[in-house]
C-alpha atoms as a PDB file:
ATOM      1  CA  UNK A   1      82.870  54.759 -16.419  1.00  0.00           C
ATOM      2  CA  UNK A   2      84.948  54.136 -13.029  1.00  0.00           C
ATOM      3  CA  UNK A   3      88.416  55.986 -12.430  1.00  0.00           C
ATOM      4  CA  UNK A   4      90.051  52.602 -12.913  1.00  0.00           C
ATOM      5  CA  UNK A   5      88.108  50.902 -15.612  1.00  0.00           C
ATOM      6  CA  UNK A   6      89.739  48.539 -17.532  1.00  0.00           C
ATOM      7  CA  UNK A   7      92.590  48.221 -14.799  1.00  0.00           C
ATOM      8  CA  UNK A   8      93.728  45.121 -13.271  1.00  0.00           C
ATOM      9  CA  UNK A   9      95.015  45.332  -9.553  1.00  0.00           C
ATOM     10  CA  UNK A  10      96.617  43.423  -6.908  1.00  0.00           C
ATOM     11  CA  UNK A  11      95.996  44.522  -3.392  1.00  0.00           C
ATOM     12  CA  UNK A  12      97.909  42.432  -0.465  1.00  0.00           C
ATOM     13  CA  UNK A  13      96.642  42.719   3.047  1.00  0.00           C
ATOM     14  CA  UNK A  14      93.269  42.618   1.666  1.00  0.00           C
ATOM     15  CA  UNK A  15      91.254  40.699   4.338  1.00  0.00           C
ATOM     16  CA  UNK A  16      90.900  43.427   6.536  1.00  0.00           C
ATOM     17  CA  UNK A  17      91.349  47.083   7.136  1.00  0.00           C
ATOM     18  CA  UNK A  18      92.741  49.209   4.703  1.00  0.00           C
ATOM     19  CA  UNK A  19      93.435  46.627   2.174  1.00  0.00           C
ATOM     20  CA  UNK A  20      90.026  45.470   2.359  1.00  0.00           C
ATOM     21  CA  UNK A  21      88.513  48.685   2.098  1.00  0.00           C
ATOM     22  CA  UNK A  22      90.881  49.716  -0.851  1.00  0.00           C
ATOM     23  CA  UNK A  23      89.628  46.388  -2.605  1.00  0.00           C
ATOM     24  CA  UNK A  24      85.867  47.407  -2.565  1.00  0.00           C
ATOM     25  CA  UNK A  25      86.592  50.963  -3.669  1.00  0.00           C
ATOM     26  CA  UNK A  26      88.707  49.794  -6.528  1.00  0.00           C
ATOM     27  CA  UNK A  27      86.107  47.398  -7.496  1.00  0.00           C
ATOM     28  CA  UNK A  28      83.460  50.092  -7.497  1.00  0.00           C
ATOM     29  CA  UNK A  29      85.657  52.102  -9.579  1.00  0.00           C
ATOM     30  CA  UNK A  30      85.797  49.809 -12.484  1.00  0.00           C
ATOM     31  CA  UNK A  31      88.951  47.762 -11.661  1.00  0.00           C
ATOM     32  CA  UNK A  32      89.389  43.756 -11.507  1.00  0.00           C
ATOM     33  CA  UNK A  33      91.003  43.109  -8.047  1.00  0.00           C
ATOM     34  CA  UNK A  34      93.026  40.372  -6.838  1.00  0.00           C
ATOM     35  CA  UNK A  35      92.770  40.670  -3.246  1.00  0.00           C
ATOM     36  CA  UNK A  36      95.626  38.774  -1.282  1.00  0.00           C
ATOM     37  CA  UNK A  37      95.996  37.832   2.221  1.00  0.00           C
ATOM     38  CA  UNK A  38      97.664  35.488   4.521  1.00  0.00           C
ATOM     39  CA  UNK A  39      94.336  34.972   5.792  1.00  0.00           C
ATOM     40  CA  UNK A  40      91.547  33.133   4.074  1.00  0.00           C
ATOM     41  CA  UNK A  41      88.643  35.186   2.528  1.00  0.00           C
ATOM     42  CA  UNK A  42      90.581  36.865  -0.323  1.00  0.00           C
ATOM     43  CA  UNK A  43      91.184  35.671  -3.933  1.00  0.00           C
ATOM     44  CA  UNK A  44      94.597  34.394  -3.168  1.00  0.00           C
ATOM     45  CA  UNK A  45      96.551  33.217   0.091  1.00  0.00           C
ATOM     46  CA  UNK A  46      99.858  34.973  -0.041  1.00  0.00           C
ATOM     47  CA  UNK A  47     102.724  35.562   2.196  1.00  0.00           C
ATOM     48  CA  UNK A  48     103.690  39.131   0.887  1.00  0.00           C
ATOM     49  CA  UNK A  49     107.447  38.878   2.197  1.00  0.00           C
ATOM     50  CA  UNK A  50     107.850  35.334   0.468  1.00  0.00           C
ATOM     51  CA  UNK A  51     109.439  35.984  -2.949  1.00  0.00           C
ATOM     52  CA  UNK A  52     108.097  32.458  -4.468  1.00  0.00           C
ATOM     53  CA  UNK A  53     104.492  33.409  -3.473  1.00  0.00           C
ATOM     54  CA  UNK A  54     104.578  36.865  -4.562  1.00  0.00           C
ATOM     55  CA  UNK A  55     105.857  35.856  -8.089  1.00  0.00           C
ATOM     56  CA  UNK A  56     103.089  33.421  -8.205  1.00  0.00           C
ATOM     57  CA  UNK A  57     100.511  35.581  -7.180  1.00  0.00           C
ATOM     58  CA  UNK A  58     101.606  38.500 -10.092  1.00  0.00           C
ATOM     59  CA  UNK A  59     101.908  35.597 -12.745  1.00  0.00           C
ATOM     60  CA  UNK A  60      98.649  33.991 -12.000  1.00  0.00           C
ATOM     61  CA  UNK A  61      96.821  37.358 -11.862  1.00  0.00           C
ATOM     62  CA  UNK A  62      98.511  38.542 -15.163  1.00  0.00           C
ATOM     63  CA  UNK A  63      97.797  35.387 -16.679  1.00  0.00           C
ATOM     64  CA  UNK A  64      94.160  35.015 -15.720  1.00  0.00           C
ATOM     65  CA  UNK A  65      93.115  38.453 -16.616  1.00  0.00           C
ATOM     66  CA  UNK A  66      95.725  39.750 -19.084  1.00  0.00           C
ATOM     67  CA  UNK A  67      97.985  41.920 -17.377  1.00  0.00           C
ATOM     68  CA  UNK A  68      98.708  44.011 -14.328  1.00  0.00           C
ATOM     69  CA  UNK A  69      98.175  47.936 -14.116  1.00  0.00           C
ATOM     70  CA  UNK A  70      98.328  48.260 -10.420  1.00  0.00           C
ATOM     71  CA  UNK A  71      99.824  46.764  -7.296  1.00  0.00           C
ATOM     72  CA  UNK A  72      99.120  48.153  -3.716  1.00  0.00           C
ATOM     73  CA  UNK A  73     101.614  46.482  -1.437  1.00  0.00           C
ATOM     74  CA  UNK A  74      99.637  47.198   1.585  1.00  0.00           C
ATOM     75  CA  UNK A  75     100.278  43.870   3.982  1.00  0.00           C
ATOM     76  CA  UNK A  76     102.402  44.631   7.142  1.00  0.00           C
ATOM     77  CA  UNK A  77     102.778  43.787  10.576  1.00  0.00           C
ATOM     78  CA  UNK A  78     103.116  45.889  13.636  1.00  0.00           C
ATOM     79  CA  UNK A  79     105.616  44.118  15.825  1.00  0.00           C
ATOM     80  CA  UNK A  80     103.945  44.984  18.947  1.00  0.00           C
ATOM     81  CA  UNK A  81     105.224  47.242  21.773  1.00  0.00           C
ATOM     82  CA  UNK A  82     108.500  46.003  22.933  1.00  0.00           C
ATOM     83  CA  UNK A  83     111.383  48.333  23.472  1.00  0.00           C
ATOM     84  CA  UNK A  84     114.494  47.969  21.800  1.00  0.00           C
ATOM     85  CA  UNK A  85     116.275  46.334  24.606  1.00  0.00           C
ATOM     86  CA  UNK A  86     113.384  43.774  24.594  1.00  0.00           C
ATOM     87  CA  UNK A  87     113.099  42.932  21.071  1.00  0.00           C
ATOM     88  CA  UNK A  88     115.085  40.082  19.275  1.00  0.00           C
ATOM     89  CA  UNK A  89     117.304  39.810  16.171  1.00  0.00           C
ATOM     90  CA  UNK A  90     114.283  37.640  15.145  1.00  0.00           C
ATOM     91  CA  UNK A  91     111.604  40.269  15.827  1.00  0.00           C
ATOM     92  CA  UNK A  92     113.497  42.742  13.657  1.00  0.00           C
ATOM     93  CA  UNK A  93     113.859  40.072  10.762  1.00  0.00           C
ATOM     94  CA  UNK A  94     110.212  39.248  10.747  1.00  0.00           C
ATOM     95  CA  UNK A  95     109.049  42.672  10.552  1.00  0.00           C
ATOM     96  CA  UNK A  96     111.453  43.722   7.986  1.00  0.00           C
ATOM     97  CA  UNK A  97     110.692  40.534   5.861  1.00  0.00           C
ATOM     98  CA  UNK A  98     106.909  41.518   5.675  1.00  0.00           C
ATOM     99  CA  UNK A  99     106.703  45.470   5.925  1.00  0.00           C
ATOM    100  CA  UNK A 100     110.040  46.218   3.915  1.00  0.00           C
ATOM    101  CA  UNK A 101     111.004  43.044   1.819  1.00  0.00           C
ATOM    102  CA  UNK A 102     107.347  42.718   0.768  1.00  0.00           C
ATOM    103  CA  UNK A 103     107.063  46.276  -1.105  1.00  0.00           C
ATOM    104  CA  UNK A 104     110.287  45.328  -2.627  1.00  0.00           C
ATOM    105  CA  UNK A 105     109.326  41.941  -3.937  1.00  0.00           C
ATOM    106  CA  UNK A 106     105.766  43.697  -5.187  1.00  0.00           C
ATOM    107  CA  UNK A 107     108.085  46.284  -7.084  1.00  0.00           C
ATOM    108  CA  UNK A 108     110.556  43.555  -8.409  1.00  0.00           C
ATOM    109  CA  UNK A 109     107.771  41.166  -9.762  1.00  0.00           C
ATOM    110  CA  UNK A 110     105.060  43.734 -10.982  1.00  0.00           C
ATOM    111  CA  UNK A 111     107.289  46.228 -12.612  1.00  0.00           C
ATOM    112  CA  UNK A 112     108.307  43.724 -15.537  1.00  0.00           C
ATOM    113  CA  UNK A 113     104.429  42.891 -16.384  1.00  0.00           C
ATOM    114  CA  UNK A 114     103.451  46.872 -16.049  1.00  0.00           C
ATOM    115  CA  UNK A 115     106.310  47.776 -18.761  1.00  0.00           C
ATOM    116  CA  UNK A 116     104.298  45.298 -20.929  1.00  0.00           C
ATOM    117  CA  UNK A 117     101.385  47.520 -20.569  1.00  0.00           C
ATOM    118  CA  UNK A 118     103.121  50.690 -21.054  1.00  0.00           C
ATOM    119  CA  UNK A 119     103.163  51.711 -17.392  1.00  0.00           C
ATOM    120  CA  UNK A 120     101.212  51.210 -14.116  1.00  0.00           C
ATOM    121  CA  UNK A 121     100.989  52.489 -10.440  1.00  0.00           C
ATOM    122  CA  UNK A 122     102.843  50.527  -7.664  1.00  0.00           C
ATOM    123  CA  UNK A 123     101.690  52.097  -4.179  1.00  0.00           C
ATOM    124  CA  UNK A 124     103.155  50.846  -0.881  1.00  0.00           C
ATOM    125  CA  UNK A 125     102.028  51.186   2.556  1.00  0.00           C
ATOM    126  CA  UNK A 126     104.200  53.045   4.804  1.00  0.00           C
ATOM    127  CA  UNK A 127     103.611  55.166   7.970  1.00  0.00           C
ATOM    128  CA  UNK A 128     103.997  58.399   9.617  1.00  0.00           C
ATOM    129  CA  UNK A 129     106.211  56.151  11.938  1.00  0.00           C
ATOM    130  CA  UNK A 130     108.499  56.103   9.294  1.00  0.00           C
ATOM    131  CA  UNK A 131     108.615  59.963   9.410  1.00  0.00           C
ATOM    132  CA  UNK A 132     109.711  60.446  12.967  1.00  0.00           C
ATOM    133  CA  UNK A 133     109.629  58.674  16.243  1.00  0.00           C
ATOM    134  CA  UNK A 134     106.747  58.513  18.618  1.00  0.00           C
ATOM    135  CA  UNK A 135     104.214  56.596  16.342  1.00  0.00           C
ATOM    136  CA  UNK A 136     105.608  53.074  16.454  1.00  0.00           C
ATOM    137  CA  UNK A 137     108.095  50.820  17.859  1.00  0.00           C
ATOM    138  CA  UNK A 138     111.555  50.778  16.427  1.00  0.00           C
ATOM    139  CA  UNK A 139     111.545  47.879  14.215  1.00  0.00           C
ATOM    140  CA  UNK A 140     108.283  48.939  12.689  1.00  0.00           C
ATOM    141  CA  UNK A 141     109.243  52.778  12.378  1.00  0.00           C
ATOM    142  CA  UNK A 142     112.487  51.562  10.570  1.00  0.00           C
ATOM    143  CA  UNK A 143     110.571  49.313   8.140  1.00  0.00           C
ATOM    144  CA  UNK A 144     108.519  52.116   7.330  1.00  0.00           C
ATOM    145  CA  UNK A 145     111.126  54.634   6.963  1.00  0.00           C
ATOM    146  CA  UNK A 146     112.757  52.116   4.701  1.00  0.00           C
ATOM    147  CA  UNK A 147     109.581  51.840   2.344  1.00  0.00           C
ATOM    148  CA  UNK A 148     109.624  55.823   1.801  1.00  0.00           C
ATOM    149  CA  UNK A 149     113.237  55.503   0.591  1.00  0.00           C
ATOM    150  CA  UNK A 150     112.409  52.482  -1.364  1.00  0.00           C
ATOM    151  CA  UNK A 151     109.814  54.064  -3.369  1.00  0.00           C
ATOM    152  CA  UNK A 152     112.147  57.075  -3.986  1.00  0.00           C
ATOM    153  CA  UNK A 153     114.833  54.770  -5.288  1.00  0.00           C
ATOM    154  CA  UNK A 154     112.240  52.509  -7.292  1.00  0.00           C
ATOM    155  CA  UNK A 155     110.616  55.677  -8.890  1.00  0.00           C
ATOM    156  CA  UNK A 156     114.310  56.632 -10.080  1.00  0.00           C
ATOM    157  CA  UNK A 157     115.208  53.292 -11.303  1.00  0.00           C
ATOM    158  CA  UNK A 158     112.235  53.010 -13.408  1.00  0.00           C
ATOM    159  CA  UNK A 159     112.796  56.152 -15.105  1.00  0.00           C
ATOM    160  CA  UNK A 160     110.811  56.329 -18.464  1.00  0.00           C
ATOM    161  CA  UNK A 161     109.022  53.045 -17.961  1.00  0.00           C
ATOM    162  CA  UNK A 162     105.715  54.889 -17.335  1.00  0.00           C
ATOM    163  CA  UNK A 163     105.495  53.064 -14.021  1.00  0.00           C
ATOM    164  CA  UNK A 164     104.819  55.527 -11.044  1.00  0.00           C
ATOM    165  CA  UNK A 165     105.907  54.424  -7.379  1.00  0.00           C
ATOM    166  CA  UNK A 166     104.395  56.049  -4.287  1.00  0.00           C
ATOM    167  CA  UNK A 167     104.144  55.466  -0.678  1.00  0.00           C
ATOM    168  CA  UNK A 168     100.907  56.256   1.394  1.00  0.00           C
ATOM    169  CA  UNK A 169     101.803  57.079   5.036  1.00  0.00           C
ATOM    170  CA  UNK A 170      98.651  56.910   7.339  1.00  0.00           C
ATOM    171  CA  UNK A 171      98.284  58.242  10.743  1.00  0.00           C
ATOM    172  CA  UNK A 172      96.006  56.384  13.459  1.00  0.00           C
ATOM    173  CA  UNK A 173      93.625  54.208  11.568  1.00  0.00           C
ATOM    174  CA  UNK A 174      91.124  51.667  13.162  1.00  0.00           C
ATOM    175  CA  UNK A 175      92.291  48.471  11.902  1.00  0.00           C
ATOM    176  CA  UNK A 176      93.071  45.186  12.994  1.00  0.00           C
ATOM    177  CA  UNK A 177      96.663  46.232  13.639  1.00  0.00           C
ATOM    178  CA  UNK A 178      95.610  49.175  15.897  1.00  0.00           C
ATOM    179  CA  UNK A 179      92.702  47.270  17.544  1.00  0.00           C
ATOM    180  CA  UNK A 180      94.790  47.038  20.741  1.00  0.00           C
ATOM    181  CA  UNK A 181      95.232  50.839  21.106  1.00  0.00           C
ATOM    182  CA  UNK A 182      91.581  51.305  20.423  1.00  0.00           C
ATOM    183  CA  UNK A 183      90.276  48.414  22.887  1.00  0.00           C
ATOM    184  CA  UNK A 184      92.545  50.027  25.587  1.00  0.00           C
ATOM    185  CA  UNK A 185      91.072  53.282  25.116  1.00  0.00           C
ATOM    186  CA  UNK A 186      87.806  52.076  25.199  1.00  0.00           C
ATOM    187  CA  UNK A 187      88.204  49.961  28.226  1.00  0.00           C
ATOM    188  CA  UNK A 188      89.522  52.783  30.067  1.00  0.00           C
ATOM    189  CA  UNK A 189      86.515  55.014  28.921  1.00  0.00           C
ATOM    190  CA  UNK A 190      89.084  57.001  27.025  1.00  0.00           C
ATOM    191  CA  UNK A 191      87.987  56.830  23.523  1.00  0.00           C
ATOM    192  CA  UNK A 192      87.580  60.385  23.001  1.00  0.00           C
ATOM    193  CA  UNK A 193      91.346  60.965  23.450  1.00  0.00           C
ATOM    194  CA  UNK A 194      91.906  58.781  20.293  1.00  0.00           C
ATOM    195  CA  UNK A 195      93.556  60.998  17.612  1.00  0.00           C
ATOM    196  CA  UNK A 196      93.664  64.223  20.138  1.00  0.00           C
ATOM    197  CA  UNK A 197      97.404  64.992  18.985  1.00  0.00           C
ATOM    198  CA  UNK A 198      96.157  65.944  15.333  1.00  0.00           C
ATOM    199  CA  UNK A 199      94.534  68.776  14.399  1.00  0.00           C
ATOM    200  CA  UNK A 200      91.727  66.587  12.996  1.00  0.00           C
ATOM    201  CA  UNK A 201      91.095  65.490  16.459  1.00  0.00           C
ATOM    202  CA  UNK A 202      90.091  61.904  15.904  1.00  0.00           C
ATOM    203  CA  UNK A 203      91.490  58.786  14.725  1.00  0.00           C
ATOM    204  CA  UNK A 204      91.122  57.925  10.840  1.00  0.00           C
ATOM    205  CA  UNK A 205      89.114  55.370   8.772  1.00  0.00           C
ATOM    206  CA  UNK A 206      90.247  52.851   6.335  1.00  0.00           C
ATOM    207  CA  UNK A 207      88.120  54.581   3.611  1.00  0.00           C
ATOM    208  CA  UNK A 208      90.218  57.346   3.927  1.00  0.00           C
ATOM    209  CA  UNK A 209      93.311  55.613   3.054  1.00  0.00           C
ATOM    210  CA  UNK A 210      91.547  53.647   0.241  1.00  0.00           C
ATOM    211  CA  UNK A 211      90.589  57.031  -1.224  1.00  0.00           C
ATOM    212  CA  UNK A 212      94.235  58.307  -0.981  1.00  0.00           C
ATOM    213  CA  UNK A 213      95.425  54.862  -2.899  1.00  0.00           C
ATOM    214  CA  UNK A 214      92.472  55.496  -5.393  1.00  0.00           C
ATOM    215  CA  UNK A 215      94.076  58.765  -6.344  1.00  0.00           C
ATOM    216  CA  UNK A 216      97.530  57.453  -6.612  1.00  0.00           C
ATOM    217  CA  UNK A 217      96.549  54.436  -8.742  1.00  0.00           C
ATOM    218  CA  UNK A 218      94.373  56.548 -11.225  1.00  0.00           C
ATOM    219  CA  UNK A 219      95.355  58.858 -13.826  1.00  0.00           C
ATOM    220  CA  UNK A 220      94.422  61.698 -11.627  1.00  0.00           C
ATOM    221  CA  UNK A 221      98.058  61.178  -9.995  1.00  0.00           C
ATOM    222  CA  UNK A 222      99.834  60.877 -13.579  1.00  0.00           C
ATOM    223  CA  UNK A 223     102.629  63.494 -12.568  1.00  0.00           C
ATOM    224  CA  UNK A 224     102.946  62.123  -8.767  1.00  0.00           C
ATOM    225  CA  UNK A 225     105.783  59.650  -8.698  1.00  0.00           C
ATOM    226  CA  UNK A 226     108.339  58.835  -5.773  1.00  0.00           C
ATOM    227  CA  UNK A 227     106.051  60.648  -3.470  1.00  0.00           C
ATOM    228  CA  UNK A 228     105.078  59.937   0.339  1.00  0.00           C
ATOM    229  CA  UNK A 229     101.577  60.940   0.739  1.00  0.00           C
ATOM    230  CA  UNK A 230     100.912  61.571   4.359  1.00  0.00           C
ATOM    231  CA  UNK A 231      97.392  60.972   5.296  1.00  0.00           C
ATOM    232  CA  UNK A 232      97.068  61.463   8.971  1.00  0.00           C
ATOM    233  CA  UNK A 233      94.714  64.304  10.166  1.00  0.00           C
ATOM    234  CA  UNK A 234      97.983  66.649  10.648  1.00  0.00           C
ATOM    235  CA  UNK A 235      99.658  64.792  12.903  1.00  0.00           C
ATOM    236  CA  UNK A 236     102.949  64.957  11.325  1.00  0.00           C
ATOM    237  CA  UNK A 237     102.858  68.521  10.752  1.00  0.00           C
ATOM    238  CA  UNK A 238     104.096  69.483  14.167  1.00  0.00           C
ATOM    239  CA  UNK A 239     105.865  67.986  17.142  1.00  0.00           C
ATOM    240  CA  UNK A 240     103.603  66.334  19.702  1.00  0.00           C
ATOM    241  CA  UNK A 241     101.708  68.557  21.774  1.00  0.00           C
ATOM    242  CA  UNK A 242      98.418  68.220  24.010  1.00  0.00           C
ATOM    243  CA  UNK A 243      95.297  70.022  22.428  1.00  0.00           C
ATOM    244  CA  UNK A 244      95.332  72.520  25.173  1.00  0.00           C
ATOM    245  CA  UNK A 245      98.661  73.965  23.960  1.00  0.00           C
ATOM    246  CA  UNK A 246      98.462  77.276  21.840  1.00  0.00           C
ATOM    247  CA  UNK A 247     102.054  78.643  20.622  1.00  0.00           C
ATOM    248  CA  UNK A 248     100.286  81.915  20.929  1.00  0.00           C
ATOM    249  CA  UNK A 249     100.149  81.731  24.802  1.00  0.00           C
ATOM    250  CA  UNK A 250     104.008  81.970  24.576  1.00  0.00           C
END
């Protein structure tokens, strides 16, 4: 028996990266998974920031499979590397629509169906960029900080429902979103420097985030609620330094 046997799960952003790895792991652990993405190649095409699309996705999945137990609101966009002075209101609106309104819609439409099952687990992808500056652009970072507060607020508002709402804060993970960073480093012959600012001294893999999502989705996390689980190799445990810096030198 897998850790998610008999569970029905929706995962957005499931066409690649963290979402794809999580869909595969959840299936291996016995869950029935409905993977959704704006790209084809998943079970459903869905714009995670569009309320009508999310409502349709949730209702269709529950109708076809008999309910809903897990929603991993993972879809997101980076918004690129533009500075605050270069970004437009339209840039901000789109990033917030996908990255923050998307998780809100997941909670809004998944929670009523989970209540019918006596509870469930909603997981939202945030980021270490939502904890402090230096890990993303302004709009992206603000959207992820909003996700962290959203899960805290939702956990409180769903008190007594049996529904847990948590966030995962990945560090630098090799996905389609971070491909430009990895490609740039490889083109410059600096791949070994990826992740050098965290104690693990490397970037992360999608499967490492998938395993964190599995924990939060499973009964192993039955007393974890309103939390932001950081999975970043230790990056956010300190202010940025170089690997050669040692506080014992002071």
